[in-house]
C-alpha atoms as a PDB file:
ATOM      1  CA  GLN A   1      22.716  76.695   6.332  1.00  0.00           C
ATOM      2  CA  VAL A   2      25.429  75.198   4.169  1.00  0.00           C
ATOM      3  CA  GLN A   3      26.663  71.861   5.477  1.00  0.00           C
ATOM      4  CA  LEU A   4      29.340  69.585   4.128  1.00  0.00           C
ATOM      5  CA  VAL A   5      29.955  66.259   5.851  1.00  0.00           C
ATOM      6  CA  GLU A   6      32.861  64.088   4.781  1.00  0.00           C
ATOM      7  CA  SER A   7      33.168  60.368   5.470  1.00  0.00           C
ATOM      8  CA  GLY A   8      35.123  57.333   4.372  1.00  0.00           C
ATOM      9  CA  GLY A   9      38.570  58.058   5.759  1.00  0.00           C
ATOM     10  CA  GLY A  10      40.656  55.524   7.628  1.00  0.00           C
ATOM     11  CA  LEU A  11      43.895  53.595   7.770  1.00  0.00           C
ATOM     12  CA  VAL A  12      45.024  51.937   4.563  1.00  0.00           C
ATOM     13  CA  GLN A  13      48.251  50.253   3.462  1.00  0.00           C
ATOM     14  CA  PRO A  14      50.398  51.715   0.680  1.00  0.00           C
ATOM     15  CA  GLY A  15      48.970  50.695  -2.665  1.00  0.00           C
ATOM     16  CA  GLY A  16      45.477  50.446  -1.243  1.00  0.00           C
ATOM     17  CA  SER A  17      42.260  52.255  -2.080  1.00  0.00           C
ATOM     18  CA  LEU A  18      39.650  54.354  -0.314  1.00  0.00           C
ATOM     19  CA  ARG A  19      36.503  56.142  -1.357  1.00  0.00           C
ATOM     20  CA  LEU A  20      35.631  59.411   0.334  1.00  0.00           C
ATOM     21  CA  SER A  21      32.131  60.839   0.326  1.00  0.00           C
ATOM     22  CA  CYS A  22      30.815  64.331   0.985  1.00  0.00           C
ATOM     23  CA  ALA A  23      27.162  64.934   1.763  1.00  0.00           C
ATOM     24  CA  ALA A  24      26.089  68.492   0.922  1.00  0.00           C
ATOM     25  CA  SER A  25      23.028  70.377   2.083  1.00  0.00           C
ATOM     26  CA  GLY A  26      21.696  73.889   2.539  1.00  0.00           C
ATOM     27  CA  PHE A  27      22.362  75.166  -0.987  1.00  0.00           C
ATOM     28  CA  MET A  28      21.457  74.452  -4.612  1.00  0.00           C
ATOM     29  CA  PHE A  29      24.033  71.696  -5.071  1.00  0.00           C
ATOM     30  CA  ILE A  30      23.509  71.298  -8.819  1.00  0.00           C
ATOM     31  CA  SER A  31      24.521  74.922  -9.408  1.00  0.00           C
ATOM     32  CA  TYR A  32      28.004  74.827  -7.885  1.00  0.00           C
ATOM     33  CA  ASP A  33      31.431  73.393  -8.511  1.00  0.00           C
ATOM     34  CA  MET A  34      32.677  71.126  -5.743  1.00  0.00           C
ATOM     35  CA  ARG A  35      36.235  70.593  -4.603  1.00  0.00           C
ATOM     36  CA  TRP A  36      38.341  68.324  -2.471  1.00  0.00           C
ATOM     37  CA  TYR A  37      41.317  69.687  -0.552  1.00  0.00           C
ATOM     38  CA  ARG A  38      43.677  68.002   1.874  1.00  0.00           C
ATOM     39  CA  GLN A  39      45.985  69.044   4.686  1.00  0.00           C
ATOM     40  CA  PRO A  40      48.951  66.770   5.389  1.00  0.00           C
ATOM     41  CA  PRO A  41      50.425  66.801   8.908  1.00  0.00           C
ATOM     42  CA  GLU A  42      52.219  70.071   9.639  1.00  0.00           C
ATOM     43  CA  LYS A  43      51.627  71.360   6.114  1.00  0.00           C
ATOM     44  CA  GLU A  44      49.328  73.827   4.415  1.00  0.00           C
ATOM     45  CA  ARG A  45      45.979  72.826   3.005  1.00  0.00           C
ATOM     46  CA  GLU A  46      46.268  71.987  -0.706  1.00  0.00           C
ATOM     47  CA  PHE A  47      43.950  71.564  -3.645  1.00  0.00           C
ATOM     48  CA  VAL A  48      43.190  67.996  -4.742  1.00  0.00           C
ATOM     49  CA  ALA A  49      40.383  68.038  -7.304  1.00  0.00           C
ATOM     50  CA  ASN A  50      37.535  70.105  -8.701  1.00  0.00           C
ATOM     51  CA  ILE A  51      34.367  69.030 -10.495  1.00  0.00           C
ATOM     52  CA  ARG A  52      32.141  71.507 -12.262  1.00  0.00           C
ATOM     53  CA  ASN A  53      28.398  71.505 -11.674  1.00  0.00           C
ATOM     54  CA  ASP A  54      27.937  69.672 -14.990  1.00  0.00           C
ATOM     55  CA  GLY A  55      29.851  66.715 -13.587  1.00  0.00           C
ATOM     56  CA  ILE A  56      31.986  66.611 -16.713  1.00  0.00           C
ATOM     57  CA  THR A  57      34.645  69.286 -16.393  1.00  0.00           C
ATOM     58  CA  ILE A  58      37.221  68.077 -13.903  1.00  0.00           C
ATOM     59  CA  ARG A  59      40.646  69.214 -12.749  1.00  0.00           C
ATOM     60  CA  TYR A  60      43.217  67.479 -10.552  1.00  0.00           C
ATOM     61  CA  ALA A  61      46.356  68.379  -8.713  1.00  0.00           C
ATOM     62  CA  GLU A  62      49.359  66.933 -10.487  1.00  0.00           C
ATOM     63  CA  SER A  63      50.242  64.855  -7.437  1.00  0.00           C
ATOM     64  CA  VAL A  64      47.026  62.816  -7.654  1.00  0.00           C
ATOM     65  CA  MET A  65      46.407  62.738 -11.411  1.00  0.00           C
ATOM     66  CA  GLY A  66      45.852  59.209 -12.659  1.00  0.00           C
ATOM     67  CA  ARG A  67      45.278  57.854  -9.159  1.00  0.00           C
ATOM     68  CA  PHE A  68      42.274  59.825  -7.829  1.00  0.00           C
ATOM     69  CA  THR A  69      38.853  60.239  -9.416  1.00  0.00           C
ATOM     70  CA  ILE A  70      36.338  62.892  -8.391  1.00  0.00           C
ATOM     71  CA  SER A  71      32.665  62.403  -9.181  1.00  0.00           C
ATOM     72  CA  ARG A  72      29.282  63.717  -8.102  1.00  0.00           C
ATOM     73  CA  ASP A  73      25.681  62.606  -7.932  1.00  0.00           C
ATOM     74  CA  ASN A  74      23.474  65.655  -8.331  1.00  0.00           C
ATOM     75  CA  SER A  75      20.373  63.602  -7.496  1.00  0.00           C
ATOM     76  CA  LYS A  76      21.791  62.818  -4.048  1.00  0.00           C
ATOM     77  CA  ASN A  77      23.779  66.015  -3.347  1.00  0.00           C
ATOM     78  CA  MET A  78      26.916  63.916  -3.005  1.00  0.00           C
ATOM     79  CA  VAL A  79      30.488  64.294  -4.171  1.00  0.00           C
ATOM     80  CA  TYR A  80      33.038  61.489  -4.062  1.00  0.00           C
ATOM     81  CA  LEU A  81      36.772  60.989  -4.244  1.00  0.00           C
ATOM     82  CA  GLN A  82      37.952  57.544  -5.290  1.00  0.00           C
ATOM     83  CA  MET A  83      41.595  57.137  -4.318  1.00  0.00           C
ATOM     84  CA  GLU A  84      43.751  54.379  -5.773  1.00  0.00           C
ATOM     85  CA  SER A  85      47.405  53.431  -5.410  1.00  0.00           C
ATOM     86  CA  LEU A  86      47.625  55.351  -2.181  1.00  0.00           C
ATOM     87  CA  GLU A  87      51.038  56.483  -0.975  1.00  0.00           C
ATOM     88  CA  PRO A  88      52.229  57.558   2.474  1.00  0.00           C
ATOM     89  CA  GLU A  89      52.417  61.099   1.064  1.00  0.00           C
ATOM     90  CA  ASP A  90      48.632  61.011   0.649  1.00  0.00           C
ATOM     91  CA  THR A  91      48.213  60.951   4.430  1.00  0.00           C
ATOM     92  CA  ALA A  92      46.127  64.001   5.294  1.00  0.00           C
ATOM     93  CA  VAL A  93      42.806  65.301   6.488  1.00  0.00           C
ATOM     94  CA  TYR A  94      40.601  65.529   3.407  1.00  0.00           C
ATOM     95  CA  TYR A  95      38.059  68.347   3.146  1.00  0.00           C
ATOM     96  CA  CYS A  96      35.074  68.967   0.933  1.00  0.00           C
ATOM     97  CA  ASN A  97      34.673  72.566  -0.256  1.00  0.00           C
ATOM     98  CA  VAL A  98      32.235  74.802  -2.065  1.00  0.00           C
ATOM     99  CA  ASN A  99      32.514  78.481  -2.953  1.00  0.00           C
ATOM    100  CA  ILE A 100      29.186  80.284  -2.927  1.00  0.00           C
ATOM    101  CA  TYR A 101      29.188  83.939  -3.976  1.00  0.00           C
ATOM    102  CA  GLY A 102      32.783  84.308  -2.869  1.00  0.00           C
ATOM    103  CA  LEU A 103      32.344  82.596   0.497  1.00  0.00           C
ATOM    104  CA  GLU A 104      34.245  79.386   1.135  1.00  0.00           C
ATOM    105  CA  TYR A 105      32.494  76.585   2.996  1.00  0.00           C
ATOM    106  CA  TRP A 106      34.291  73.598   4.441  1.00  0.00           C
ATOM    107  CA  GLY A 107      33.405  70.344   6.086  1.00  0.00           C
ATOM    108  CA  LYS A 108      35.161  69.141   9.220  1.00  0.00           C
ATOM    109  CA  GLY A 109      37.275  66.733   7.226  1.00  0.00           C
ATOM    110  CA  THR A 110      38.027  63.034   7.263  1.00  0.00           C
ATOM    111  CA  LEU A 111      41.437  61.613   8.119  1.00  0.00           C
ATOM    112  CA  VAL A 112      43.222  59.339   5.661  1.00  0.00           C
ATOM    113  CA  THR A 113      46.318  57.569   6.929  1.00  0.00           C
ATOM    114  CA  VAL A 114      48.441  55.564   4.511  1.00  0.00           C
ATOM    115  CA  SER A 115      50.849  53.372   6.431  1.00  0.00           C
ATOM    116  CA  SER A 116      52.043  49.798   6.672  1.00  0.00           C
END
């Protein structure tokens, strides 16, 4: 079955960096776009970044453009989110996502807290 397991979250000070990882299994990883979403406290889940299966075509939410970098390693079935210049507004649970034939699959998420 499809599994997505996020890791790498934690507490970081404003201006700091974190790298999130998502380990994918149970589907042909190289064939699908991968996405990161996040859900801030008491807010709706929101799109963060998308990377096409080619690893080249990438899209970001305006709020993270220039600070976050999405990447993937098709040989390891991994997708990453490098986050720089973190702000308190980036505090959220971060989720890995894949859409397979119209079905959305989600990991359990990893919590990122940006606070001094």
